[in-house]
Amino acid sequence: MSSGTLIQWIALAICVIFAAARMPDAVRGKGRCMFVVLVLFVLAVALSLPPIYLVVDGLLGGVNVANLLIRFSLYAIMLLLGLRGAAAFGSRRAQALIRGPVGISVLGFTVVATVILFVLSDLPESSTGLRAYADQTTVHWYAHLGRIYPAYVGACLLGPAAANALDTTARGLHRLAAGMMAVGFVMVLAHMALKLTGIRTGAADVYLPFGAIVLVTTGITLIWLSRRRSAKDGSANFLAGEQRRF
């Protein structure tokens, strides 16, 4: 097993564990949005692995609809994470950029263009990551397009997350969580920037996106743990009244 494949399996295991840990609260109606985010992360990461992708896509007709599921899962993840994250970090500007006309336009364009490029591509057989069809222009742009909305939301949340990580009045666990998420967003942006340059990125194609997933999901979980701790001692923190949403 290569190191790249190993980090994919590690990311999947982490997402499964974090989602399972939040299930009891979700059943009671608490933090359901972030629970859904973690479940979608499980789906997206699982479908990045050939043994899982090929089976699932085979059940869906063997024409790579599973890859489309990955894209839509990531768009939903970033939308929900963006809305909750902006509120939790207390950034009205980020909220406006994500839920306002600009954010909705970016999301709408990305979704429509994703479907169009997928339909225009010739994808007769299952191929994890569409690697077998990388020479097709439509697949090339389909891949680039899939990074636009995640990078947009990551850019919107990077500043607020970094600011909270540097807030000396916040609790240590909160600062750590915000810092991990900020680094995760940097990795998302770095991956997109590298791919746009056209240079061969090699192992970075795995380490950057899946490393970002590990950091962001860990940050989400640390915020949740901090919220539970705060609920017990009644102390204030940087999430203020919005932390219950996370």
Foldseek 3Di string as FASTA:
>chain_A
DDPLVVLLVVLLVLLVVLLVVCVVVVVVVFQVLVSLLSVLSNLLSQCLDVVRVQVVCVVVPFQNVSVVSNLVSLLSNLLSCLCLLCLQLVHPVSNCCCPHPNNVVLSVVLNVLLVVLSVVARRRGDDRLCVVRCVDPSSLVSVLSSLRNLLSSLVSNLVSLCVQLPPPVFDNLLNQLSVLQNVLSVLSNVVSVVVVVVDDPPSSVRCSNSSSSSSNSVSLSSLVVVVVVCVVVVDAGSSGPSSRND
